[in-house]
Amino acid sequence: QLQASGGGLVQAGGSLNLSCAASERLYSSYNMGWFRQAPGKEREFVIGIRWGTGRTISADPVKGRFTISRDRTENTAYLQMTSLKPEDTAIYYCTGGSSWPPDRSWGQGTQVTVSS
């Protein structure tokens, strides 16, 4: 199971952090990431990290602004979001799995709202 936390309301240009804790030990073959879904839009992949190597991949809209990291001892991934824009407003879902992008397991969504 994945337990997400963080999010909230912030003004444009601000920052927010999300975290996602797995309930069990994660192996090197695992991957974690975030998807998001804005009102009236399709769900989209945002960013992900390969648990074993730490390699990260992000979608173009968030490159240079969002950073994902992991704590292997805590089985937790972290999403740091900076320079937030109103178009980043969405429900963010923590995900995990051995595939790429990781979409087998889903945590509960957390709302991120960026005001202009």
C-alpha atoms as a PDB file:
ATOM      1  CA  GLN A   1       0.000   0.000   0.000  1.00  0.00           C
ATOM      2  CA  LEU A   2       1.057   3.540  -0.711  1.00  0.00           C
ATOM      3  CA  GLN A   3       0.271   6.342   1.683  1.00  0.00           C
ATOM      4  CA  ALA A   4       0.523   9.829   0.259  1.00  0.00           C
ATOM      5  CA  SER A   5       0.734  13.052   2.207  1.00  0.00           C
ATOM      6  CA  GLY A   6       1.311  16.720   1.568  1.00  0.00           C
ATOM      7  CA  GLY A   7      -0.238  19.046  -0.946  1.00  0.00           C
ATOM      8  CA  GLY A   8      -2.529  21.969  -0.301  1.00  0.00           C
ATOM      9  CA  LEU A   9      -2.981  25.487  -1.555  1.00  0.00           C
ATOM     10  CA  VAL A  10      -0.187  27.765  -2.691  1.00  0.00           C
ATOM     11  CA  GLN A  11       0.197  30.888  -4.759  1.00  0.00           C
ATOM     12  CA  ALA A  12       1.772  30.781  -8.184  1.00  0.00           C
ATOM     13  CA  GLY A  13       5.530  30.693  -7.921  1.00  0.00           C
ATOM     14  CA  GLY A  14       5.404  28.912  -4.612  1.00  0.00           C
ATOM     15  CA  SER A  15       6.475  25.431  -3.562  1.00  0.00           C
ATOM     16  CA  LEU A  16       4.856  22.344  -2.149  1.00  0.00           C
ATOM     17  CA  ASN A  17       6.123  18.935  -1.146  1.00  0.00           C
ATOM     18  CA  LEU A  18       4.474  15.545  -1.359  1.00  0.00           C
ATOM     19  CA  SER A  19       5.570  12.276   0.104  1.00  0.00           C
ATOM     20  CA  CYS A  20       4.596   8.694  -0.524  1.00  0.00           C
ATOM     21  CA  ALA A  21       5.357   5.928   1.930  1.00  0.00           C
ATOM     22  CA  ALA A  22       5.163   2.272   1.036  1.00  0.00           C
ATOM     23  CA  SER A  23       3.963  -0.142   3.672  1.00  0.00           C
ATOM     24  CA  GLU A  24       6.626  -2.709   2.867  1.00  0.00           C
ATOM     25  CA  ARG A  25      10.211  -2.877   1.771  1.00  0.00           C
ATOM     26  CA  LEU A  26      10.748  -1.917  -1.829  1.00  0.00           C
ATOM     27  CA  TYR A  27      13.147  -3.826  -4.028  1.00  0.00           C
ATOM     28  CA  SER A  28      15.517  -2.451  -6.619  1.00  0.00           C
ATOM     29  CA  SER A  29      13.251  -3.541  -9.443  1.00  0.00           C
ATOM     30  CA  TYR A  30      10.496  -1.299  -8.177  1.00  0.00           C
ATOM     31  CA  ASN A  31       9.646   2.160  -9.423  1.00  0.00           C
ATOM     32  CA  MET A  32       7.643   4.956  -7.871  1.00  0.00           C
ATOM     33  CA  GLY A  33       6.164   8.091  -9.248  1.00  0.00           C
ATOM     34  CA  TRP A  34       3.320  10.518  -9.459  1.00  0.00           C
ATOM     35  CA  PHE A  35       0.457  10.978 -11.854  1.00  0.00           C
ATOM     36  CA  ARG A  36      -1.951  13.878 -11.767  1.00  0.00           C
ATOM     37  CA  GLN A  37      -5.412  14.633 -13.019  1.00  0.00           C
ATOM     38  CA  ALA A  38      -6.704  18.123 -13.522  1.00  0.00           C
ATOM     39  CA  PRO A  39     -10.423  18.875 -13.771  1.00  0.00           C
ATOM     40  CA  GLY A  40     -11.724  17.882 -17.174  1.00  0.00           C
ATOM     41  CA  LYS A  41      -8.420  16.431 -18.276  1.00  0.00           C
ATOM     42  CA  GLU A  42      -6.931  12.993 -18.690  1.00  0.00           C
ATOM     43  CA  ARG A  43      -4.720  11.584 -16.006  1.00  0.00           C
ATOM     44  CA  GLU A  44      -1.070  12.133 -16.890  1.00  0.00           C
ATOM     45  CA  PHE A  45       2.299  10.892 -15.748  1.00  0.00           C
ATOM     46  CA  VAL A  46       4.302  13.571 -13.971  1.00  0.00           C
ATOM     47  CA  ILE A  47       7.538  12.161 -12.666  1.00  0.00           C
ATOM     48  CA  GLY A  48       9.059   8.900 -11.553  1.00  0.00           C
ATOM     49  CA  ILE A  49      12.099   7.320  -9.999  1.00  0.00           C
ATOM     50  CA  ARG A  50      13.713   3.944 -10.421  1.00  0.00           C
ATOM     51  CA  TRP A  51      14.128   2.603  -6.906  1.00  0.00           C
ATOM     52  CA  GLY A  52      17.355   0.745  -7.500  1.00  0.00           C
ATOM     53  CA  THR A  53      19.377   3.308  -9.447  1.00  0.00           C
ATOM     54  CA  GLY A  54      17.679   6.507  -8.380  1.00  0.00           C
ATOM     55  CA  ARG A  55      17.318   7.542 -11.990  1.00  0.00           C
ATOM     56  CA  THR A  56      14.474   9.991 -12.467  1.00  0.00           C
ATOM     57  CA  ILE A  57      12.323  10.838 -15.429  1.00  0.00           C
ATOM     58  CA  SER A  58       9.920  13.732 -15.589  1.00  0.00           C
ATOM     59  CA  ALA A  59       7.322  14.908 -18.033  1.00  0.00           C
ATOM     60  CA  ASP A  60       8.111  17.995 -20.071  1.00  0.00           C
ATOM     61  CA  PRO A  61       5.622  20.330 -18.301  1.00  0.00           C
ATOM     62  CA  VAL A  62       7.420  19.879 -14.977  1.00  0.00           C
ATOM     63  CA  LYS A  63      11.038  19.544 -16.022  1.00  0.00           C
ATOM     64  CA  GLY A  64      13.286  21.839 -14.078  1.00  0.00           C
ATOM     65  CA  ARG A  65      10.562  22.542 -11.521  1.00  0.00           C
ATOM     66  CA  PHE A  66       9.687  19.202  -9.954  1.00  0.00           C
ATOM     67  CA  THR A  67      12.161  16.876  -8.299  1.00  0.00           C
ATOM     68  CA  ILE A  68      11.602  13.360  -7.069  1.00  0.00           C
ATOM     69  CA  SER A  69      13.825  11.633  -4.558  1.00  0.00           C
ATOM     70  CA  ARG A  70      13.707   8.553  -2.408  1.00  0.00           C
ATOM     71  CA  ASP A  71      14.707   7.320   1.002  1.00  0.00           C
ATOM     72  CA  ARG A  72      15.367   3.642   0.670  1.00  0.00           C
ATOM     73  CA  THR A  73      15.522   3.030   4.410  1.00  0.00           C
ATOM     74  CA  GLU A  74      12.115   4.625   4.889  1.00  0.00           C
ATOM     75  CA  ASN A  75      10.603   3.175   1.692  1.00  0.00           C
ATOM     76  CA  THR A  76       9.413   6.665   0.929  1.00  0.00           C
ATOM     77  CA  ALA A  77       9.488   8.830  -2.170  1.00  0.00           C
ATOM     78  CA  TYR A  78       9.367  12.606  -2.080  1.00  0.00           C
ATOM     79  CA  LEU A  79       8.158  15.092  -4.644  1.00  0.00           C
ATOM     80  CA  GLN A  80       9.416  18.632  -4.383  1.00  0.00           C
ATOM     81  CA  MET A  81       7.434  21.047  -6.526  1.00  0.00           C
ATOM     82  CA  THR A  82       8.787  24.537  -7.116  1.00  0.00           C
ATOM     83  CA  SER A  83       7.815  27.476  -9.309  1.00  0.00           C
ATOM     84  CA  LEU A  84       4.275  26.175  -9.270  1.00  0.00           C
ATOM     85  CA  LYS A  85       1.848  27.380 -11.899  1.00  0.00           C
ATOM     86  CA  PRO A  86      -1.951  27.444 -11.901  1.00  0.00           C
ATOM     87  CA  GLU A  87      -1.871  24.710 -14.538  1.00  0.00           C
ATOM     88  CA  ASP A  88      -0.232  22.424 -11.983  1.00  0.00           C
ATOM     89  CA  THR A  89      -3.519  22.374 -10.104  1.00  0.00           C
ATOM     90  CA  ALA A  90      -4.674  18.775  -9.981  1.00  0.00           C
ATOM     91  CA  ILE A  91      -5.150  15.734  -7.830  1.00  0.00           C
ATOM     92  CA  TYR A  92      -1.789  14.057  -7.506  1.00  0.00           C
ATOM     93  CA  TYR A  93      -1.549  10.293  -7.174  1.00  0.00           C
ATOM     94  CA  CYS A  94       1.428   8.424  -5.842  1.00  0.00           C
ATOM     95  CA  THR A  95       2.053   5.253  -7.795  1.00  0.00           C
ATOM     96  CA  GLY A  96       4.325   2.244  -7.776  1.00  0.00           C
ATOM     97  CA  GLY A  97       5.143  -0.850  -9.758  1.00  0.00           C
ATOM     98  CA  SER A  98       7.776  -2.726 -11.651  1.00  0.00           C
ATOM     99  CA  SER A  99       6.696  -1.343 -15.002  1.00  0.00           C
ATOM    100  CA  TRP A 100       7.393   2.095 -16.444  1.00  0.00           C
ATOM    101  CA  PRO A 101       5.782   4.399 -15.817  1.00  0.00           C
ATOM    102  CA  PRO A 102       4.844   2.782 -12.537  1.00  0.00           C
ATOM    103  CA  ASP A 103       1.105   2.400 -12.449  1.00  0.00           C
ATOM    104  CA  ARG A 104       0.307  -0.886 -10.765  1.00  0.00           C
ATOM    105  CA  SER A 105      -0.319   0.427  -7.269  1.00  0.00           C
ATOM    106  CA  TRP A 106      -2.020   3.700  -6.484  1.00  0.00           C
ATOM    107  CA  GLY A 107      -2.122   5.735  -3.331  1.00  0.00           C
ATOM    108  CA  GLN A 108      -4.971   8.014  -2.444  1.00  0.00           C
ATOM    109  CA  GLY A 109      -5.008  11.265  -4.348  1.00  0.00           C
ATOM    110  CA  THR A 110      -3.933  14.502  -2.762  1.00  0.00           C
ATOM    111  CA  GLN A 111      -5.109  17.895  -3.930  1.00  0.00           C
ATOM    112  CA  VAL A 112      -2.644  20.503  -5.107  1.00  0.00           C
ATOM    113  CA  THR A 113      -4.125  23.901  -5.863  1.00  0.00           C
ATOM    114  CA  VAL A 114      -2.103  26.779  -7.271  1.00  0.00           C
ATOM    115  CA  SER A 115      -3.770  30.161  -7.252  1.00  0.00           C
ATOM    116  CA  SER A 116      -2.859  32.885  -9.701  1.00  0.00           C
END
